[in-house]
All heavy atoms as atom14 arrays in JSON, in Angstrom:
{
  "sequence": "LSQEEAASQKKLQQSKADYLSMKSRMQAAVAQLQLLGIQPEKLVGHG",
  "atom14_mask": [
    [1, 1, 1, 1, 1, 1, 1, 1, 0, 0, 0, 0, 0, 0],
    [1, 1, 1, 1, 1, 1, 0, 0, 0, 0, 0, 0, 0, 0],
    [1, 1, 1, 1, 1, 1, 1, 1, 1, 0, 0, 0, 0, 0],
    [1, 1, 1, 1, 1, 1, 1, 1, 1, 0, 0, 0, 0, 0],
    [1, 1, 1, 1, 1, 1, 1, 1, 1, 0, 0, 0, 0, 0],
    [1, 1, 1, 1, 1, 0, 0, 0, 0, 0, 0, 0, 0, 0],
    [1, 1, 1, 1, 1, 0, 0, 0, 0, 0, 0, 0, 0, 0],
    [1, 1, 1, 1, 1, 1, 0, 0, 0, 0, 0, 0, 0, 0],
    [1, 1, 1, 1, 1, 1, 1, 1, 1, 0, 0, 0, 0, 0],
    [1, 1, 1, 1, 1, 1, 1, 1, 1, 0, 0, 0, 0, 0],
    [1, 1, 1, 1, 1, 1, 1, 1, 1, 0, 0, 0, 0, 0],
    [1, 1, 1, 1, 1, 1, 1, 1, 0, 0, 0, 0, 0, 0],
    [1, 1, 1, 1, 1, 1, 1, 1, 1, 0, 0, 0, 0, 0],
    [1, 1, 1, 1, 1, 1, 1, 1, 1, 0, 0, 0, 0, 0],
    [1, 1, 1, 1, 1, 1, 0, 0, 0, 0, 0, 0, 0, 0],
    [1, 1, 1, 1, 1, 1, 1, 1, 1, 0, 0, 0, 0, 0],
    [1, 1, 1, 1, 1, 0, 0, 0, 0, 0, 0, 0, 0, 0],
    [1, 1, 1, 1, 1, 1, 1, 1, 0, 0, 0, 0, 0, 0],
    [1, 1, 1, 1, 1, 1, 1, 1, 1, 1, 1, 1, 0, 0],
    [1, 1, 1, 1, 1, 1, 1, 1, 0, 0, 0, 0, 0, 0],
    [1, 1, 1, 1, 1, 1, 0, 0, 0, 0, 0, 0, 0, 0],
    [1, 1, 1, 1, 1, 1, 1, 1, 0, 0, 0, 0, 0, 0],
    [1, 1, 1, 1, 1, 1, 1, 1, 1, 0, 0, 0, 0, 0],
    [1, 1, 1, 1, 1, 1, 0, 0, 0, 0, 0, 0, 0, 0],
    [1, 1, 1, 1, 1, 1, 1, 1, 1, 1, 1, 0, 0, 0],
    [1, 1, 1, 1, 1, 1, 1, 1, 0, 0, 0, 0, 0, 0],
    [1, 1, 1, 1, 1, 1, 1, 1, 1, 0, 0, 0, 0, 0],
    [1, 1, 1, 1, 1, 0, 0, 0, 0, 0, 0, 0, 0, 0],
    [1, 1, 1, 1, 1, 0, 0, 0, 0, 0, 0, 0, 0, 0],
    [1, 1, 1, 1, 1, 1, 1, 0, 0, 0, 0, 0, 0, 0],
    [1, 1, 1, 1, 1, 0, 0, 0, 0, 0, 0, 0, 0, 0],
    [1, 1, 1, 1, 1, 1, 1, 1, 1, 0, 0, 0, 0, 0],
    [1, 1, 1, 1, 1, 1, 1, 1, 0, 0, 0, 0, 0, 0],
    [1, 1, 1, 1, 1, 1, 1, 1, 1, 0, 0, 0, 0, 0],
    [1, 1, 1, 1, 1, 1, 1, 1, 0, 0, 0, 0, 0, 0],
    [1, 1, 1, 1, 1, 1, 1, 1, 0, 0, 0, 0, 0, 0],
    [1, 1, 1, 1, 0, 0, 0, 0, 0, 0, 0, 0, 0, 0],
    [1, 1, 1, 1, 1, 1, 1, 1, 0, 0, 0, 0, 0, 0],
    [1, 1, 1, 1, 1, 1, 1, 1, 1, 0, 0, 0, 0, 0],
    [1, 1, 1, 1, 1, 1, 1, 0, 0, 0, 0, 0, 0, 0],
    [1, 1, 1, 1, 1, 1, 1, 1, 1, 0, 0, 0, 0, 0],
    [1, 1, 1, 1, 1, 1, 1, 1, 1, 0, 0, 0, 0, 0],
    [1, 1, 1, 1, 1, 1, 1, 1, 0, 0, 0, 0, 0, 0],
    [1, 1, 1, 1, 1, 1, 1, 0, 0, 0, 0, 0, 0, 0],
    [1, 1, 1, 1, 0, 0, 0, 0, 0, 0, 0, 0, 0, 0],
    [1, 1, 1, 1, 1, 1, 1, 1, 1, 1, 0, 0, 0, 0],
    [1, 1, 1, 1, 0, 0, 0, 0, 0, 0, 0, 0, 0, 0]
  ],
  "atom14_positions": [
    [[67.23, 155.41, 73.96], [66.57, 154.28, 74.57], [66.57, 153.07, 73.64], [66.72, 151.91, 74.12], [65.14, 154.64, 74.95], [64.98, 155.71, 76.06], [63.49, 156.03, 76.23], [65.59, 155.18, 77.37], [0.0, 0.0, 0.0], [0.0, 0.0, 0.0], [0.0, 0.0, 0.0], [0.0, 0.0, 0.0], [0.0, 0.0, 0.0], [0.0, 0.0, 0.0]],
    [[66.46, 153.3, 72.36], [66.45, 152.2, 71.42], [67.82, 151.5, 71.4], [67.88, 150.28, 71.28], [66.1, 152.7, 70.03], [66.19, 151.65, 69.09], [0.0, 0.0, 0.0], [0.0, 0.0, 0.0], [0.0, 0.0, 0.0], [0.0, 0.0, 0.0], [0.0, 0.0, 0.0], [0.0, 0.0, 0.0], [0.0, 0.0, 0.0], [0.0, 0.0, 0.0]],
    [[68.88, 152.29, 71.49], [70.19, 151.69, 71.52], [70.44, 150.87, 72.78], [71.16, 149.89, 72.77], [71.25, 152.79, 71.41], [71.27, 153.49, 70.05], [72.2, 154.69, 70.04], [72.81, 155.02, 71.06], [72.33, 155.33, 68.87], [0.0, 0.0, 0.0], [0.0, 0.0, 0.0], [0.0, 0.0, 0.0], [0.0, 0.0, 0.0], [0.0, 0.0, 0.0]],
    [[69.77, 151.24, 73.88], [69.89, 150.52, 75.13], [68.81, 149.44, 75.26], [68.69, 148.83, 76.29], [69.75, 151.49, 76.31], [70.88, 152.53, 76.36], [70.67, 153.58, 77.46], [69.6, 153.47, 78.12], [71.52, 154.42, 77.68], [0.0, 0.0, 0.0], [0.0, 0.0, 0.0], [0.0, 0.0, 0.0], [0.0, 0.0, 0.0], [0.0, 0.0, 0.0]],
    [[68.02, 149.27, 74.2], [66.96, 148.26, 74.14], [65.93, 148.47, 75.23], [65.33, 147.54, 75.74], [67.53, 146.87, 74.23], [68.48, 146.53, 73.09], [68.97, 145.1, 73.17], [68.64, 144.43, 74.17], [69.69, 144.69, 72.25], [0.0, 0.0, 0.0], [0.0, 0.0, 0.0], [0.0, 0.0, 0.0], [0.0, 0.0, 0.0], [0.0, 0.0, 0.0]],
    [[65.74, 149.74, 75.61], [64.76, 150.06, 76.62], [63.46, 150.58, 76.01], [62.49, 150.85, 76.71], [65.29, 151.08, 77.61], [0.0, 0.0, 0.0], [0.0, 0.0, 0.0], [0.0, 0.0, 0.0], [0.0, 0.0, 0.0], [0.0, 0.0, 0.0], [0.0, 0.0, 0.0], [0.0, 0.0, 0.0], [0.0, 0.0, 0.0], [0.0, 0.0, 0.0]],
    [[63.41, 150.75, 74.68], [62.21, 151.25, 74.02], [62.02, 150.46, 72.72], [63.01, 149.96, 72.13], [62.32, 152.74, 73.72], [0.0, 0.0, 0.0], [0.0, 0.0, 0.0], [0.0, 0.0, 0.0], [0.0, 0.0, 0.0], [0.0, 0.0, 0.0], [0.0, 0.0, 0.0], [0.0, 0.0, 0.0], [0.0, 0.0, 0.0], [0.0, 0.0, 0.0]],
    [[60.8, 150.37, 72.29], [60.49, 149.63, 71.06], [60.8, 150.47, 69.83], [60.86, 151.7, 69.9], [59.02, 149.23, 71.07], [58.19, 150.37, 71.0], [0.0, 0.0, 0.0], [0.0, 0.0, 0.0], [0.0, 0.0, 0.0], [0.0, 0.0, 0.0], [0.0, 0.0, 0.0], [0.0, 0.0, 0.0], [0.0, 0.0, 0.0], [0.0, 0.0, 0.0]],
    [[60.99, 149.8, 68.67], [61.2, 150.51, 67.42], [59.99, 151.3, 66.98], [60.11, 152.31, 66.27], [61.59, 149.48, 66.35], [62.96, 148.85, 66.53], [64.07, 149.88, 66.38], [64.0, 150.79, 65.54], [65.09, 149.75, 67.22], [0.0, 0.0, 0.0], [0.0, 0.0, 0.0], [0.0, 0.0, 0.0], [0.0, 0.0, 0.0], [0.0, 0.0, 0.0]],
    [[58.83, 150.84, 67.4], [57.58, 151.56, 67.03], [57.56, 152.95, 67.6], [57.2, 153.92, 66.95], [56.39, 150.77, 67.51], [55.05, 151.4, 67.12], [53.88, 150.53, 67.58], [52.54, 151.17, 67.18], [51.39, 150.37, 67.65], [0.0, 0.0, 0.0], [0.0, 0.0, 0.0], [0.0, 0.0, 0.0], [0.0, 0.0, 0.0], [0.0, 0.0, 0.0]],
    [[57.94, 153.11, 68.88], [57.96, 154.43, 69.49], [59.01, 155.31, 68.83], [58.81, 156.54, 68.67], [58.24, 154.3, 70.98], [57.09, 153.71, 71.78], [57.4, 153.73, 73.26], [56.23, 153.2, 74.07], [56.53, 153.19, 75.51], [0.0, 0.0, 0.0], [0.0, 0.0, 0.0], [0.0, 0.0, 0.0], [0.0, 0.0, 0.0], [0.0, 0.0, 0.0]],
    [[60.12, 154.7, 68.45], [61.18, 155.49, 67.8], [60.72, 155.99, 66.46], [60.94, 157.18, 66.12], [62.43, 154.63, 67.64], [63.6, 155.27, 66.87], [64.1, 156.52, 67.58], [64.72, 154.26, 66.66], [0.0, 0.0, 0.0], [0.0, 0.0, 0.0], [0.0, 0.0, 0.0], [0.0, 0.0, 0.0], [0.0, 0.0, 0.0], [0.0, 0.0, 0.0]],
    [[60.06, 155.16, 65.69], [59.56, 155.57, 64.37], [58.51, 156.64, 64.49], [58.43, 157.57, 63.68], [59.06, 154.35, 63.61], [60.15, 153.36, 63.24], [59.6, 152.09, 62.58], [58.37, 151.91, 62.52], [60.49, 151.22, 62.15], [0.0, 0.0, 0.0], [0.0, 0.0, 0.0], [0.0, 0.0, 0.0], [0.0, 0.0, 0.0], [0.0, 0.0, 0.0]],
    [[57.58, 156.49, 65.5], [56.55, 157.48, 65.68], [57.15, 158.84, 66.09], [56.72, 159.88, 65.63], [55.57, 157.02, 66.75], [54.39, 157.95, 67.01], [53.54, 158.13, 65.75], [53.16, 157.12, 65.12], [53.21, 159.37, 65.44], [0.0, 0.0, 0.0], [0.0, 0.0, 0.0], [0.0, 0.0, 0.0], [0.0, 0.0, 0.0], [0.0, 0.0, 0.0]],
    [[58.14, 158.79, 66.95], [58.8, 160.03, 67.36], [59.5, 160.7, 66.2], [59.48, 161.93, 66.08], [59.82, 159.72, 68.48], [60.51, 160.84, 68.85], [0.0, 0.0, 0.0], [0.0, 0.0, 0.0], [0.0, 0.0, 0.0], [0.0, 0.0, 0.0], [0.0, 0.0, 0.0], [0.0, 0.0, 0.0], [0.0, 0.0, 0.0], [0.0, 0.0, 0.0]],
    [[60.11, 159.89, 65.34], [60.81, 160.47, 64.18], [59.79, 161.09, 63.2], [60.04, 162.17, 62.66], [61.59, 159.37, 63.46], [62.35, 159.85, 62.24], [63.13, 158.72, 61.59], [63.88, 159.2, 60.36], [64.66, 158.1, 59.71], [0.0, 0.0, 0.0], [0.0, 0.0, 0.0], [0.0, 0.0, 0.0], [0.0, 0.0, 0.0], [0.0, 0.0, 0.0]],
    [[58.64, 160.45, 63.0], [57.62, 160.97, 62.09], [57.06, 162.28, 62.61], [56.84, 163.24, 61.83], [56.51, 159.93, 61.92], [0.0, 0.0, 0.0], [0.0, 0.0, 0.0], [0.0, 0.0, 0.0], [0.0, 0.0, 0.0], [0.0, 0.0, 0.0], [0.0, 0.0, 0.0], [0.0, 0.0, 0.0], [0.0, 0.0, 0.0], [0.0, 0.0, 0.0]],
    [[56.79, 162.36, 63.93], [56.26, 163.6, 64.47], [57.28, 164.74, 64.35], [56.89, 165.87, 64.05], [55.91, 163.39, 65.96], [54.75, 162.43, 66.16], [54.0, 162.22, 65.19], [54.61, 161.9, 67.28], [0.0, 0.0, 0.0], [0.0, 0.0, 0.0], [0.0, 0.0, 0.0], [0.0, 0.0, 0.0], [0.0, 0.0, 0.0], [0.0, 0.0, 0.0]],
    [[58.53, 164.42, 64.57], [59.57, 165.45, 64.46], [59.72, 165.98, 63.02], [59.73, 167.2, 62.8], [60.89, 164.86, 64.95], [62.1, 165.68, 64.54], [62.31, 166.94, 65.1], [63.03, 165.19, 63.63], [63.42, 167.69, 64.75], [64.13, 165.93, 63.26], [64.33, 167.18, 63.82], [65.42, 167.93, 63.46], [0.0, 0.0, 0.0], [0.0, 0.0, 0.0]],
    [[59.75, 165.1, 62.06], [59.91, 165.51, 60.67], [58.67, 166.27, 60.15], [58.8, 167.21, 59.36], [60.19, 164.32, 59.78], [61.54, 163.6, 60.01], [61.69, 162.39, 59.12], [62.7, 164.57, 59.84], [0.0, 0.0, 0.0], [0.0, 0.0, 0.0], [0.0, 0.0, 0.0], [0.0, 0.0, 0.0], [0.0, 0.0, 0.0], [0.0, 0.0, 0.0]],
    [[57.47, 165.86, 60.6], [56.25, 166.53, 60.19], [56.21, 167.96, 60.72], [55.89, 168.9, 59.98], [55.04, 165.77, 60.71], [53.85, 166.44, 60.4], [0.0, 0.0, 0.0], [0.0, 0.0, 0.0], [0.0, 0.0, 0.0], [0.0, 0.0, 0.0], [0.0, 0.0, 0.0], [0.0, 0.0, 0.0], [0.0, 0.0, 0.0], [0.0, 0.0, 0.0]],
    [[56.58, 168.16, 61.98], [56.59, 169.49, 62.55], [57.69, 170.35, 61.93], [57.5, 171.56, 61.71], [56.78, 169.41, 64.05], [56.65, 170.76, 64.75], [55.02, 171.52, 64.47], [53.94, 170.3, 65.28], [0.0, 0.0, 0.0], [0.0, 0.0, 0.0], [0.0, 0.0, 0.0], [0.0, 0.0, 0.0], [0.0, 0.0, 0.0], [0.0, 0.0, 0.0]],
    [[58.79, 169.75, 61.56], [59.87, 170.48, 60.93], [59.44, 171.03, 59.56], [59.74, 172.18, 59.2], [61.08, 169.56, 60.76], [62.31, 170.26, 60.17], [63.49, 169.32, 60.1], [64.73, 170.03, 59.53], [65.91, 169.12, 59.46], [0.0, 0.0, 0.0], [0.0, 0.0, 0.0], [0.0, 0.0, 0.0], [0.0, 0.0, 0.0], [0.0, 0.0, 0.0]],
    [[58.69, 170.22, 58.78], [58.21, 170.69, 57.5], [57.19, 171.81, 57.64], [57.16, 172.76, 56.85], [57.61, 169.53, 56.69], [56.45, 169.01, 57.33], [0.0, 0.0, 0.0], [0.0, 0.0, 0.0], [0.0, 0.0, 0.0], [0.0, 0.0, 0.0], [0.0, 0.0, 0.0], [0.0, 0.0, 0.0], [0.0, 0.0, 0.0], [0.0, 0.0, 0.0]],
    [[56.33, 171.73, 58.69], [55.36, 172.8, 58.96], [56.06, 174.1, 59.26], [55.67, 175.18, 58.78], [54.44, 172.4, 60.07], [53.43, 171.34, 59.77], [52.55, 171.02, 60.96], [51.84, 172.21, 61.44], [51.09, 172.23, 62.55], [50.99, 171.11, 63.29], [50.48, 173.32, 62.91], [0.0, 0.0, 0.0], [0.0, 0.0, 0.0], [0.0, 0.0, 0.0]],
    [[57.11, 174.05, 60.07], [57.84, 175.26, 60.4], [58.54, 175.86, 59.18], [58.58, 177.05, 58.95], [58.84, 174.98, 61.52], [59.42, 176.26, 62.11], [60.87, 175.99, 63.16], [62.12, 175.67, 61.89], [0.0, 0.0, 0.0], [0.0, 0.0, 0.0], [0.0, 0.0, 0.0], [0.0, 0.0, 0.0], [0.0, 0.0, 0.0], [0.0, 0.0, 0.0]],
    [[59.12, 174.99, 58.35], [59.79, 175.45, 57.15], [58.79, 176.12, 56.2], [59.16, 177.1, 55.53], [60.5, 174.29, 56.47], [61.71, 173.77, 57.22], [62.32, 172.54, 56.58], [61.68, 171.83, 55.78], [63.57, 172.23, 56.95], [0.0, 0.0, 0.0], [0.0, 0.0, 0.0], [0.0, 0.0, 0.0], [0.0, 0.0, 0.0], [0.0, 0.0, 0.0]],
    [[57.58, 175.58, 56.11], [56.55, 176.21, 55.26], [56.17, 177.59, 55.78], [56.02, 178.54, 55.03], [55.32, 175.32, 55.19], [0.0, 0.0, 0.0], [0.0, 0.0, 0.0], [0.0, 0.0, 0.0], [0.0, 0.0, 0.0], [0.0, 0.0, 0.0], [0.0, 0.0, 0.0], [0.0, 0.0, 0.0], [0.0, 0.0, 0.0], [0.0, 0.0, 0.0]],
    [[56.07, 177.72, 57.11], [55.73, 179.02, 57.72], [56.87, 180.01, 57.48], [56.64, 181.19, 57.21], [55.46, 178.87, 59.21], [0.0, 0.0, 0.0], [0.0, 0.0, 0.0], [0.0, 0.0, 0.0], [0.0, 0.0, 0.0], [0.0, 0.0, 0.0], [0.0, 0.0, 0.0], [0.0, 0.0, 0.0], [0.0, 0.0, 0.0], [0.0, 0.0, 0.0]],
    [[58.1, 179.55, 57.59], [59.26, 180.42, 57.34], [59.26, 180.94, 55.9], [59.48, 182.13, 55.64], [60.56, 179.65, 57.63], [61.78, 180.44, 57.1], [60.72, 179.42, 59.12], [0.0, 0.0, 0.0], [0.0, 0.0, 0.0], [0.0, 0.0, 0.0], [0.0, 0.0, 0.0], [0.0, 0.0, 0.0], [0.0, 0.0, 0.0], [0.0, 0.0, 0.0]],
    [[58.99, 180.04, 54.94], [58.96, 180.44, 53.51], [57.9, 181.49, 53.26], [58.12, 182.44, 52.52], [58.78, 179.2, 52.67], [0.0, 0.0, 0.0], [0.0, 0.0, 0.0], [0.0, 0.0, 0.0], [0.0, 0.0, 0.0], [0.0, 0.0, 0.0], [0.0, 0.0, 0.0], [0.0, 0.0, 0.0], [0.0, 0.0, 0.0], [0.0, 0.0, 0.0]],
    [[56.7, 181.31, 53.85], [55.62, 182.29, 53.64], [55.95, 183.63, 54.23], [55.67, 184.68, 53.64], [54.32, 181.72, 54.27], [53.77, 180.52, 53.55], [52.46, 180.03, 54.16], [51.46, 180.76, 54.15], [52.47, 178.83, 54.71], [0.0, 0.0, 0.0], [0.0, 0.0, 0.0], [0.0, 0.0, 0.0], [0.0, 0.0, 0.0], [0.0, 0.0, 0.0]],
    [[56.57, 183.64, 55.41], [56.93, 184.91, 56.02], [58.02, 185.62, 55.21], [58.0, 186.84, 55.07], [57.45, 184.64, 57.47], [56.34, 184.26, 58.48], [56.99, 183.85, 59.78], [55.35, 185.38, 58.68], [0.0, 0.0, 0.0], [0.0, 0.0, 0.0], [0.0, 0.0, 0.0], [0.0, 0.0, 0.0], [0.0, 0.0, 0.0], [0.0, 0.0, 0.0]],
    [[58.95, 184.85, 54.69], [60.01, 185.48, 53.87], [59.44, 186.07, 52.59], [59.94, 187.1, 52.11], [61.09, 184.44, 53.56], [61.94, 184.06, 54.78], [62.93, 182.98, 54.47], [62.82, 182.24, 53.48], [63.96, 182.86, 55.33], [0.0, 0.0, 0.0], [0.0, 0.0, 0.0], [0.0, 0.0, 0.0], [0.0, 0.0, 0.0], [0.0, 0.0, 0.0]],
    [[58.41, 185.45, 52.01], [57.76, 186.02, 50.85], [57.1, 187.36, 51.18], [56.99, 188.25, 50.3], [56.71, 185.05, 50.28], [57.23, 183.83, 49.56], [56.07, 182.91, 49.17], [58.03, 184.21, 48.32], [0.0, 0.0, 0.0], [0.0, 0.0, 0.0], [0.0, 0.0, 0.0], [0.0, 0.0, 0.0], [0.0, 0.0, 0.0], [0.0, 0.0, 0.0]],
    [[56.7, 187.52, 52.42], [56.09, 188.77, 52.86], [57.12, 189.79, 53.29], [56.77, 190.9, 53.74], [55.11, 188.51, 53.99], [53.9, 187.62, 53.67], [53.09, 187.35, 54.92], [53.05, 188.22, 52.61], [0.0, 0.0, 0.0], [0.0, 0.0, 0.0], [0.0, 0.0, 0.0], [0.0, 0.0, 0.0], [0.0, 0.0, 0.0], [0.0, 0.0, 0.0]],
    [[58.39, 189.42, 53.21], [59.45, 190.33, 53.62], [59.72, 190.32, 55.11], [60.31, 191.29, 55.64], [0.0, 0.0, 0.0], [0.0, 0.0, 0.0], [0.0, 0.0, 0.0], [0.0, 0.0, 0.0], [0.0, 0.0, 0.0], [0.0, 0.0, 0.0], [0.0, 0.0, 0.0], [0.0, 0.0, 0.0], [0.0, 0.0, 0.0], [0.0, 0.0, 0.0]],
    [[59.33, 189.29, 55.83], [59.48, 189.18, 57.28], [60.61, 188.2, 57.57], [60.65, 187.09, 57.02], [58.19, 188.73, 57.94], [57.02, 189.66, 57.56], [58.35, 188.65, 59.46], [57.22, 191.08, 57.98], [0.0, 0.0, 0.0], [0.0, 0.0, 0.0], [0.0, 0.0, 0.0], [0.0, 0.0, 0.0], [0.0, 0.0, 0.0], [0.0, 0.0, 0.0]],
    [[61.53, 188.59, 58.44], [62.55, 187.69, 58.93], [62.0, 186.93, 60.14], [61.78, 187.53, 61.2], [63.83, 188.46, 59.31], [64.46, 189.18, 58.16], [64.89, 188.22, 57.05], [65.34, 187.08, 57.33], [64.82, 188.63, 55.82], [0.0, 0.0, 0.0], [0.0, 0.0, 0.0], [0.0, 0.0, 0.0], [0.0, 0.0, 0.0], [0.0, 0.0, 0.0]],
    [[61.76, 185.61, 60.01], [61.11, 184.88, 61.12], [61.88, 184.94, 62.44], [61.24, 184.92, 63.52], [61.08, 183.44, 60.58], [61.14, 183.58, 59.1], [62.01, 184.76, 58.86], [0.0, 0.0, 0.0], [0.0, 0.0, 0.0], [0.0, 0.0, 0.0], [0.0, 0.0, 0.0], [0.0, 0.0, 0.0], [0.0, 0.0, 0.0], [0.0, 0.0, 0.0]],
    [[63.21, 185.01, 62.4], [63.98, 185.02, 63.66], [63.65, 186.22, 64.52], [63.74, 186.17, 65.75], [65.48, 184.99, 63.33], [65.98, 183.72, 62.67], [65.66, 183.67, 61.18], [65.21, 184.71, 60.65], [65.85, 182.62, 60.54], [0.0, 0.0, 0.0], [0.0, 0.0, 0.0], [0.0, 0.0, 0.0], [0.0, 0.0, 0.0], [0.0, 0.0, 0.0]],
    [[63.26, 187.34, 63.86], [62.94, 188.56, 64.62], [61.66, 188.42, 65.44], [61.45, 189.13, 66.41], [62.82, 189.74, 63.67], [64.14, 190.13, 63.01], [63.97, 191.36, 62.13], [65.29, 191.79, 61.52], [65.18, 193.0, 60.68], [0.0, 0.0, 0.0], [0.0, 0.0, 0.0], [0.0, 0.0, 0.0], [0.0, 0.0, 0.0], [0.0, 0.0, 0.0]],
    [[60.78, 187.52, 65.01], [59.53, 187.32, 65.74], [59.74, 186.74, 67.13], [58.96, 186.96, 68.05], [58.58, 186.39, 64.96], [58.08, 186.9, 63.61], [57.19, 185.9, 62.93], [57.35, 188.23, 63.77], [0.0, 0.0, 0.0], [0.0, 0.0, 0.0], [0.0, 0.0, 0.0], [0.0, 0.0, 0.0], [0.0, 0.0, 0.0], [0.0, 0.0, 0.0]],
    [[60.85, 185.98, 67.29], [61.14, 185.35, 68.56], [61.41, 186.43, 69.62], [60.96, 186.33, 70.78], [62.33, 184.38, 68.44], [62.64, 183.74, 69.8], [62.04, 183.3, 67.41], [0.0, 0.0, 0.0], [0.0, 0.0, 0.0], [0.0, 0.0, 0.0], [0.0, 0.0, 0.0], [0.0, 0.0, 0.0], [0.0, 0.0, 0.0], [0.0, 0.0, 0.0]],
    [[62.15, 187.46, 69.23], [62.49, 188.49, 70.2], [61.48, 189.63, 70.25], [61.24, 190.18, 71.35], [0.0, 0.0, 0.0], [0.0, 0.0, 0.0], [0.0, 0.0, 0.0], [0.0, 0.0, 0.0], [0.0, 0.0, 0.0], [0.0, 0.0, 0.0], [0.0, 0.0, 0.0], [0.0, 0.0, 0.0], [0.0, 0.0, 0.0], [0.0, 0.0, 0.0]],
    [[60.84, 189.95, 69.13], [59.94, 191.1, 69.1], [58.45, 190.73, 69.2], [57.6, 191.58, 69.44], [60.14, 191.9, 67.79], [61.5, 192.5, 67.7], [62.61, 191.78, 67.25], [61.97, 193.75, 67.97], [63.66, 192.55, 67.26], [63.31, 193.76, 67.68], [0.0, 0.0, 0.0], [0.0, 0.0, 0.0], [0.0, 0.0, 0.0], [0.0, 0.0, 0.0]],
    [[58.12, 189.48, 69.0], [56.73, 189.05, 69.09], [55.99, 189.28, 67.79], [56.55, 189.66, 66.75], [0.0, 0.0, 0.0], [0.0, 0.0, 0.0], [0.0, 0.0, 0.0], [0.0, 0.0, 0.0], [0.0, 0.0, 0.0], [0.0, 0.0, 0.0], [0.0, 0.0, 0.0], [0.0, 0.0, 0.0], [0.0, 0.0, 0.0], [0.0, 0.0, 0.0]]
  ]
}
């Protein structure tokens, strides 16, 4: 939308910040599970 000038730069920056923040949270959870000997990908299929 930003490339088509249909959205403001503020919304783009906010969307980018939310995405990067959630990505770091997931990476932290993955690291903690791996320290416990758990493969995070297996939780998706096995619960």
